[in-house]
C-alpha atoms as a PDB file:
ATOM      1  CA  MET A   1     -34.561 -25.160  70.484  1.00  0.00           C
ATOM      2  CA  ALA A   2     -34.060 -25.570  74.215  1.00  0.00           C
ATOM      3  CA  CYS A   3     -32.878 -22.295  75.657  1.00  0.00           C
ATOM      4  CA  PRO A   4     -30.094 -22.464  78.242  1.00  0.00           C
ATOM      5  CA  ASN A   5     -30.967 -22.246  81.891  1.00  0.00           C
ATOM      6  CA  PRO A   6     -31.951 -18.636  82.610  1.00  0.00           C
ATOM      7  CA  PRO A   7     -29.449 -16.536  84.573  1.00  0.00           C
ATOM      8  CA  ARG A   8     -30.327 -15.075  87.918  1.00  0.00           C
ATOM      9  CA  GLY A   9     -31.091 -11.774  86.240  1.00  0.00           C
ATOM     10  CA  ILE A  10     -34.329 -13.201  84.834  1.00  0.00           C
ATOM     11  CA  TYR A  11     -35.760 -13.150  88.343  1.00  0.00           C
ATOM     12  CA  LEU A  12     -35.743  -9.350  88.160  1.00  0.00           C
ATOM     13  CA  THR A  13     -38.250  -9.721  85.350  1.00  0.00           C
ATOM     14  CA  TYR A  14     -40.410 -11.979  87.484  1.00  0.00           C
ATOM     15  CA  ILE A  15     -40.350  -9.418  90.294  1.00  0.00           C
ATOM     16  CA  ILE A  16     -41.434  -6.608  87.956  1.00  0.00           C
ATOM     17  CA  GLN A  17     -44.194  -8.805  86.550  1.00  0.00           C
ATOM     18  CA  GLY A  18     -45.353  -9.543  90.080  1.00  0.00           C
ATOM     19  CA  LEU A  19     -45.493  -5.823  90.858  1.00  0.00           C
ATOM     20  CA  ILE A  20     -47.606  -5.217  87.741  1.00  0.00           C
ATOM     21  CA  LEU A  21     -49.985  -8.000  88.748  1.00  0.00           C
ATOM     22  CA  LEU A  22     -50.168  -6.550  92.262  1.00  0.00           C
ATOM     23  CA  ALA A  23     -51.062  -3.143  90.802  1.00  0.00           C
ATOM     24  CA  ALA A  24     -53.816  -4.769  88.752  1.00  0.00           C
ATOM     25  CA  VAL A  25     -55.317  -6.550  91.748  1.00  0.00           C
ATOM     26  CA  SER A  26     -55.088  -3.502  94.018  1.00  0.00           C
ATOM     27  CA  SER A  27     -56.736  -1.309  91.380  1.00  0.00           C
ATOM     28  CA  ILE A  28     -59.651  -3.700  90.968  1.00  0.00           C
ATOM     29  CA  LEU A  29     -60.098  -4.000  94.738  1.00  0.00           C
ATOM     30  CA  ALA A  30     -60.151  -0.204  94.944  1.00  0.00           C
ATOM     31  CA  GLY A  31     -62.895  -0.051  92.328  1.00  0.00           C
ATOM     32  CA  GLU A  32     -60.600   1.307  89.609  1.00  0.00           C
ATOM     33  CA  TYR A  33     -61.646  -1.303  87.081  1.00  0.00           C
ATOM     34  CA  PHE A  34     -60.267   0.468  84.022  1.00  0.00           C
ATOM     35  CA  LEU A  35     -56.829   0.768  85.626  1.00  0.00           C
ATOM     36  CA  GLY A  36     -57.063  -2.833  86.819  1.00  0.00           C
ATOM     37  CA  ILE A  37     -57.868  -4.130  83.357  1.00  0.00           C
ATOM     38  CA  SER A  38     -55.096  -2.008  81.837  1.00  0.00           C
ATOM     39  CA  ALA A  39     -52.559  -3.290  84.365  1.00  0.00           C
ATOM     40  CA  GLY A  40     -53.730  -6.874  83.823  1.00  0.00           C
ATOM     41  CA  THR A  41     -53.324  -6.467  80.080  1.00  0.00           C
ATOM     42  CA  ALA A  42     -49.844  -5.065  80.628  1.00  0.00           C
ATOM     43  CA  PHE A  43     -48.981  -8.110  82.756  1.00  0.00           C
ATOM     44  CA  PHE A  44     -49.939 -10.509  79.973  1.00  0.00           C
ATOM     45  CA  LEU A  45     -48.054  -8.403  77.414  1.00  0.00           C
ATOM     46  CA  THR A  46     -44.862  -8.750  79.465  1.00  0.00           C
ATOM     47  CA  MET A  47     -45.144 -12.492  78.885  1.00  0.00           C
ATOM     48  CA  THR A  48     -45.352 -12.076  75.109  1.00  0.00           C
ATOM     49  CA  PRO A  49     -41.589 -12.410  74.385  1.00  0.00           C
ATOM     50  CA  SER A  50     -41.372 -15.723  76.255  1.00  0.00           C
ATOM     51  CA  LEU A  51     -44.549 -17.087  74.689  1.00  0.00           C
ATOM     52  CA  MET A  52     -43.522 -16.085  71.160  1.00  0.00           C
ATOM     53  CA  THR A  53     -40.030 -17.558  71.363  1.00  0.00           C
ATOM     54  CA  ARG A  54     -40.874 -20.738  73.252  1.00  0.00           C
ATOM     55  CA  ASN A  55     -41.420 -22.777  70.078  1.00  0.00           C
ATOM     56  CA  LEU A  56     -38.993 -20.833  67.881  1.00  0.00           C
ATOM     57  CA  ARG A  57     -35.328 -21.482  67.261  1.00  0.00           C
ATOM     58  CA  LEU A  58     -34.145 -18.426  69.148  1.00  0.00           C
ATOM     59  CA  CYS A  59     -33.719 -17.193  72.679  1.00  0.00           C
ATOM     60  CA  LEU A  60     -33.979 -13.552  73.582  1.00  0.00           C
ATOM     61  CA  PRO A  61     -31.485 -12.280  76.160  1.00  0.00           C
ATOM     62  CA  TRP A  62     -33.018 -11.912  79.594  1.00  0.00           C
ATOM     63  CA  GLU A  63     -32.234  -8.198  79.436  1.00  0.00           C
ATOM     64  CA  ILE A  64     -34.815  -7.801  76.655  1.00  0.00           C
ATOM     65  CA  ASN A  65     -37.484  -9.493  78.748  1.00  0.00           C
ATOM     66  CA  LEU A  66     -36.554  -7.237  81.665  1.00  0.00           C
ATOM     67  CA  LEU A  67     -36.787  -4.082  79.554  1.00  0.00           C
ATOM     68  CA  VAL A  68     -40.210  -5.126  78.264  1.00  0.00           C
ATOM     69  CA  ALA A  69     -41.410  -5.669  81.832  1.00  0.00           C
ATOM     70  CA  VAL A  70     -39.926  -2.373  83.043  1.00  0.00           C
ATOM     71  CA  SER A  71     -41.516  -0.472  80.143  1.00  0.00           C
ATOM     72  CA  PHE A  72     -44.981  -1.741  81.011  1.00  0.00           C
ATOM     73  CA  TYR A  73     -44.381  -1.300  84.736  1.00  0.00           C
ATOM     74  CA  LEU A  74     -43.488   2.367  84.263  1.00  0.00           C
ATOM     75  CA  HIS A  75     -46.640   2.857  82.218  1.00  0.00           C
ATOM     76  CA  VAL A  76     -48.855   1.072  84.743  1.00  0.00           C
ATOM     77  CA  MET A  77     -47.448   2.980  87.714  1.00  0.00           C
ATOM     78  CA  GLY A  78     -47.759   6.223  85.790  1.00  0.00           C
ATOM     79  CA  HIS A  79     -51.520   5.737  86.008  1.00  0.00           C
ATOM     80  CA  VAL A  80     -51.944   3.726  89.216  1.00  0.00           C
ATOM     81  CA  GLY A  81     -49.461   5.864  91.164  1.00  0.00           C
ATOM     82  CA  GLU A  82     -50.483   9.020  89.274  1.00  0.00           C
ATOM     83  CA  TYR A  83     -46.850   9.713  88.439  1.00  0.00           C
ATOM     84  CA  TYR A  84     -47.888  10.990  85.022  1.00  0.00           C
ATOM     85  CA  VAL A  85     -49.493  13.878  86.903  1.00  0.00           C
ATOM     86  CA  THR A  86     -47.272  14.419  89.934  1.00  0.00           C
ATOM     87  CA  LEU A  87     -44.024  14.074  87.968  1.00  0.00           C
ATOM     88  CA  ALA A  88     -45.228  15.613  84.714  1.00  0.00           C
ATOM     89  CA  PRO A  89     -43.817  15.892  82.146  1.00  0.00           C
ATOM     90  CA  TYR A  90     -40.590  14.128  83.087  1.00  0.00           C
ATOM     91  CA  TYR A  91     -42.069  10.776  84.043  1.00  0.00           C
ATOM     92  CA  ASP A  92     -43.899  10.493  80.739  1.00  0.00           C
ATOM     93  CA  LYS A  93     -40.730  11.236  78.780  1.00  0.00           C
ATOM     94  CA  LEU A  94     -38.769   8.692  80.822  1.00  0.00           C
ATOM     95  CA  THR A  95     -41.408   6.076  80.040  1.00  0.00           C
ATOM     96  CA  HIS A  96     -41.211   6.867  76.333  1.00  0.00           C
ATOM     97  CA  LEU A  97     -37.411   6.717  76.370  1.00  0.00           C
ATOM     98  CA  VAL A  98     -37.268   3.314  78.065  1.00  0.00           C
ATOM     99  CA  SER A  99     -40.012   1.933  75.819  1.00  0.00           C
ATOM    100  CA  SER A 100     -38.405   3.236  72.627  1.00  0.00           C
ATOM    101  CA  VAL A 101     -35.032   1.768  73.567  1.00  0.00           C
ATOM    102  CA  THR A 102     -36.752  -1.569  74.211  1.00  0.00           C
ATOM    103  CA  VAL A 103     -38.529  -1.535  70.845  1.00  0.00           C
ATOM    104  CA  ALA A 104     -35.333  -0.485  69.082  1.00  0.00           C
ATOM    105  CA  LEU A 105     -33.339  -3.340  70.644  1.00  0.00           C
ATOM    106  CA  ILE A 106     -35.993  -5.841  69.582  1.00  0.00           C
ATOM    107  CA  ALA A 107     -35.827  -4.404  66.048  1.00  0.00           C
ATOM    108  CA  PHE A 108     -32.045  -4.808  66.099  1.00  0.00           C
ATOM    109  CA  PHE A 109     -32.350  -8.460  67.095  1.00  0.00           C
ATOM    110  CA  LEU A 110     -34.963  -9.089  64.393  1.00  0.00           C
ATOM    111  CA  ALA A 111     -32.704  -7.515  61.769  1.00  0.00           C
ATOM    112  CA  LEU A 112     -29.785  -9.706  62.838  1.00  0.00           C
ATOM    113  CA  LEU A 113     -32.042 -12.758  62.841  1.00  0.00           C
ATOM    114  CA  ALA A 114     -33.280 -12.088  59.300  1.00  0.00           C
ATOM    115  CA  ASP A 115     -29.730 -11.489  58.090  1.00  0.00           C
ATOM    116  CA  HIS A 116     -28.363 -14.582  59.843  1.00  0.00           C
ATOM    117  CA  GLN A 117     -31.002 -16.864  58.342  1.00  0.00           C
ATOM    118  CA  GLY A 118     -30.281 -15.481  54.878  1.00  0.00           C
ATOM    119  CA  GLU A 119     -33.826 -14.269  54.336  1.00  0.00           C
ATOM    120  CA  ILE A 120     -32.745 -10.648  53.898  1.00  0.00           C
ATOM    121  CA  ARG A 121     -29.274  -9.228  53.346  1.00  0.00           C
ATOM    122  CA  LEU A 122     -28.960  -6.043  55.355  1.00  0.00           C
ATOM    123  CA  THR A 123     -26.116  -3.556  55.444  1.00  0.00           C
ATOM    124  CA  GLY A 124     -25.252  -1.542  58.533  1.00  0.00           C
ATOM    125  CA  PRO A 125     -27.076   1.599  57.324  1.00  0.00           C
ATOM    126  CA  ALA A 126     -30.125  -0.488  56.397  1.00  0.00           C
ATOM    127  CA  ILE A 127     -30.250  -1.956  59.906  1.00  0.00           C
ATOM    128  CA  ALA A 128     -29.988   1.533  61.410  1.00  0.00           C
ATOM    129  CA  VAL A 129     -32.869   2.750  59.244  1.00  0.00           C
ATOM    130  CA  PHE A 130     -34.922  -0.317  60.174  1.00  0.00           C
ATOM    131  CA  ILE A 131     -34.336   0.376  63.874  1.00  0.00           C
ATOM    132  CA  LEU A 132     -35.368   4.021  63.565  1.00  0.00           C
ATOM    133  CA  THR A 133     -38.463   3.372  61.458  1.00  0.00           C
ATOM    134  CA  SER A 134     -39.609   0.503  63.679  1.00  0.00           C
ATOM    135  CA  THR A 135     -39.228   2.631  66.793  1.00  0.00           C
ATOM    136  CA  LEU A 136     -41.098   5.576  65.303  1.00  0.00           C
ATOM    137  CA  ALA A 137     -43.823   3.273  63.959  1.00  0.00           C
ATOM    138  CA  ALA A 138     -44.326   1.775  67.419  1.00  0.00           C
ATOM    139  CA  GLY A 139     -44.431   5.272  68.894  1.00  0.00           C
ATOM    140  CA  ALA A 140     -47.037   6.363  66.341  1.00  0.00           C
ATOM    141  CA  VAL A 141     -49.198   3.311  67.103  1.00  0.00           C
ATOM    142  CA  TRP A 142     -49.003   4.155  70.812  1.00  0.00           C
ATOM    143  CA  GLU A 143     -50.122   7.735  70.161  1.00  0.00           C
ATOM    144  CA  ILE A 144     -53.031   6.442  68.083  1.00  0.00           C
ATOM    145  CA  TYR A 145     -53.959   4.138  70.970  1.00  0.00           C
ATOM    146  CA  GLU A 146     -53.937   7.064  73.410  1.00  0.00           C
ATOM    147  CA  PHE A 147     -56.051   9.152  71.043  1.00  0.00           C
ATOM    148  CA  ALA A 148     -58.573   6.341  70.629  1.00  0.00           C
ATOM    149  CA  VAL A 149     -58.832   5.772  74.400  1.00  0.00           C
ATOM    150  CA  ASP A 150     -59.359   9.496  74.982  1.00  0.00           C
ATOM    151  CA  GLN A 151     -62.132   9.589  72.407  1.00  0.00           C
ATOM    152  CA  VAL A 152     -63.917   6.482  73.699  1.00  0.00           C
ATOM    153  CA  PHE A 153     -63.501   6.836  77.464  1.00  0.00           C
ATOM    154  CA  GLY A 154     -63.091  10.589  77.826  1.00  0.00           C
ATOM    155  CA  THR A 155     -59.634  10.289  79.435  1.00  0.00           C
ATOM    156  CA  SER A 156     -56.737  12.719  79.041  1.00  0.00           C
ATOM    157  CA  LEU A 157     -53.844  10.555  77.933  1.00  0.00           C
ATOM    158  CA  GLN A 158     -52.873  13.109  75.304  1.00  0.00           C
ATOM    159  CA  LEU A 159     -52.368  16.718  76.330  1.00  0.00           C
ATOM    160  CA  GLY A 160     -52.268  18.365  72.945  1.00  0.00           C
ATOM    161  CA  ASN A 161     -50.081  18.500  69.877  1.00  0.00           C
ATOM    162  CA  THR A 162     -46.954  19.602  71.756  1.00  0.00           C
ATOM    163  CA  ASP A 163     -47.187  16.635  74.123  1.00  0.00           C
ATOM    164  CA  THR A 164     -47.698  14.177  71.261  1.00  0.00           C
ATOM    165  CA  MET A 165     -44.839  15.539  69.176  1.00  0.00           C
ATOM    166  CA  SER A 166     -42.434  15.679  72.134  1.00  0.00           C
ATOM    167  CA  ASP A 167     -43.291  12.034  72.854  1.00  0.00           C
ATOM    168  CA  LEU A 168     -42.408  11.091  69.285  1.00  0.00           C
ATOM    169  CA  ILE A 169     -39.174  13.076  69.490  1.00  0.00           C
ATOM    170  CA  VAL A 170     -38.191  11.161  72.627  1.00  0.00           C
ATOM    171  CA  ASP A 171     -39.049   7.933  70.778  1.00  0.00           C
ATOM    172  CA  LEU A 172     -36.715   9.038  67.993  1.00  0.00           C
ATOM    173  CA  VAL A 173     -33.943   9.713  70.520  1.00  0.00           C
ATOM    174  CA  GLY A 174     -34.346   6.217  71.977  1.00  0.00           C
ATOM    175  CA  GLY A 175     -34.199   4.683  68.514  1.00  0.00           C
ATOM    176  CA  ALA A 176     -31.139   6.766  67.624  1.00  0.00           C
ATOM    177  CA  ILE A 177     -29.312   5.571  70.754  1.00  0.00           C
ATOM    178  CA  VAL A 178     -29.825   1.935  69.798  1.00  0.00           C
ATOM    179  CA  ALA A 179     -29.046   2.632  66.126  1.00  0.00           C
ATOM    180  CA  ALA A 180     -25.712   4.130  67.183  1.00  0.00           C
ATOM    181  CA  PHE A 181     -25.081   1.106  69.408  1.00  0.00           C
ATOM    182  CA  ALA A 182     -25.892  -1.215  66.488  1.00  0.00           C
ATOM    183  CA  ALA A 183     -23.529   0.712  64.215  1.00  0.00           C
ATOM    184  CA  ILE A 184     -20.698   0.275  66.731  1.00  0.00           C
ATOM    185  CA  VAL A 185     -21.432  -3.449  67.115  1.00  0.00           C
ATOM    186  CA  LEU A 186     -21.456  -3.993  63.351  1.00  0.00           C
ATOM    187  CA  ALA A 187     -18.355  -1.858  62.770  1.00  0.00           C
ATOM    188  CA  ARG A 188     -16.445  -3.986  65.272  1.00  0.00           C
ATOM    189  CA  GLY A 189     -17.751  -7.201  63.736  1.00  0.00           C
ATOM    190  CA  GLU A 190     -19.214  -8.295  67.061  1.00  0.00           C
ATOM    191  CA  GLU A 191     -22.645  -9.297  65.819  1.00  0.00           C
ATOM    192  CA  HIS A 192     -21.757 -12.925  66.604  1.00  0.00           C
ATOM    193  CA  ARG A 193     -22.289 -12.088  70.277  1.00  0.00           C
ATOM    194  CA  PHE A 194     -25.964 -11.599  69.413  1.00  0.00           C
ATOM    195  CA  VAL A 195     -26.332 -14.170  66.635  1.00  0.00           C
ATOM    196  CA  ARG A 196     -25.564 -16.941  69.121  1.00  0.00           C
ATOM    197  CA  PHE A 197     -29.044 -16.445  70.559  1.00  0.00           C
ATOM    198  CA  PHE A 198     -30.580 -17.447  67.210  1.00  0.00           C
ATOM    199  CA  THR A 199     -28.815 -20.742  66.599  1.00  0.00           C
ATOM    200  CA  GLU A 200     -29.063 -24.044  68.353  1.00  0.00           C
ATOM    201  CA  PRO A 201     -25.656 -25.071  69.688  1.00  0.00           C
ATOM    202  CA  PRO A 202     -24.237 -28.147  67.972  1.00  0.00           C
ATOM    203  CA  SER A 203     -24.181 -31.319  70.026  1.00  0.00           C
ATOM    204  CA  GLY A 204     -21.207 -31.425  72.374  1.00  0.00           C
ATOM    205  CA  ALA A 205     -20.149 -27.881  71.670  1.00  0.00           C
ATOM    206  CA  GLU A 206     -18.994 -25.771  74.566  1.00  0.00           C
ATOM    207  CA  PRO A 207     -20.591 -22.329  75.087  1.00  0.00           C
ATOM    208  CA  SER A 208     -17.185 -20.709  74.741  1.00  0.00           C
ATOM    209  CA  GLU A 209     -16.800 -22.309  71.303  1.00  0.00           C
ATOM    210  CA  ILE A 210     -20.129 -20.938  70.160  1.00  0.00           C
ATOM    211  CA  MET A 211     -19.451 -17.434  71.442  1.00  0.00           C
ATOM    212  CA  GLY A 212     -16.044 -17.433  69.845  1.00  0.00           C
ATOM    213  CA  ASP A 213     -17.112 -18.481  66.348  1.00  0.00           C
ATOM    214  CA  PRO A 214     -15.462 -16.184  63.817  1.00  0.00           C
ATOM    215  CA  ILE A 215     -17.559 -14.069  61.522  1.00  0.00           C
ATOM    216  CA  ASP A 216     -17.564 -14.894  57.841  1.00  0.00           C
ATOM    217  CA  PRO A 217     -15.451 -12.151  56.207  1.00  0.00           C
ATOM    218  CA  ALA A 218     -17.807 -12.184  53.209  1.00  0.00           C
ATOM    219  CA  ARG A 219     -20.623 -11.027  55.488  1.00  0.00           C
ATOM    220  CA  SER A 220     -18.630  -8.370  57.342  1.00  0.00           C
ATOM    221  CA  ARG A 221     -19.738  -4.809  56.901  1.00  0.00           C
END
């Protein structure tokens, strides 16, 4: 599927990616090799959505790509700019909130994709549960990553049980926000505004025709 020409908003993503790459280079030049490698890894991870969808029959909205880039940028600058320390604990919680909302939105799109292709039939409550569990699972994996890095490199990414649990609670809040948003979208029958990203427009069809396709009443929730 050939995705439509990207809107101007996608250039915000490119700017954020450039800032992450700049942080990686500056860290390496300053002799902070661990931070440089971490920032470089984050830069490549921001490209994951585009690389994964390039050969698939779907196009993620540019806002998702931007949120992914912003999530990694906040994390990188938390270490490179030492904001995790100077703005503790608020900066860390902001990073977790933005990241959890990003993961939750991706989970929402995946649920709609699976339902649209007929692979899995999901009700509104099932989609909400999927969003929450996916967000919490991603948060748990992140906490395991921080624990492993602390054990191997002697860093202090985790500051005790209270810090870890509060991070997971913030992750839950981010997931709940998106789950509520998904519930509203499904209740209004507006999932077609998102499903259009998953289907290749028929030849000669106008974008307005695709966006205005009615929803099958049999599939309404």
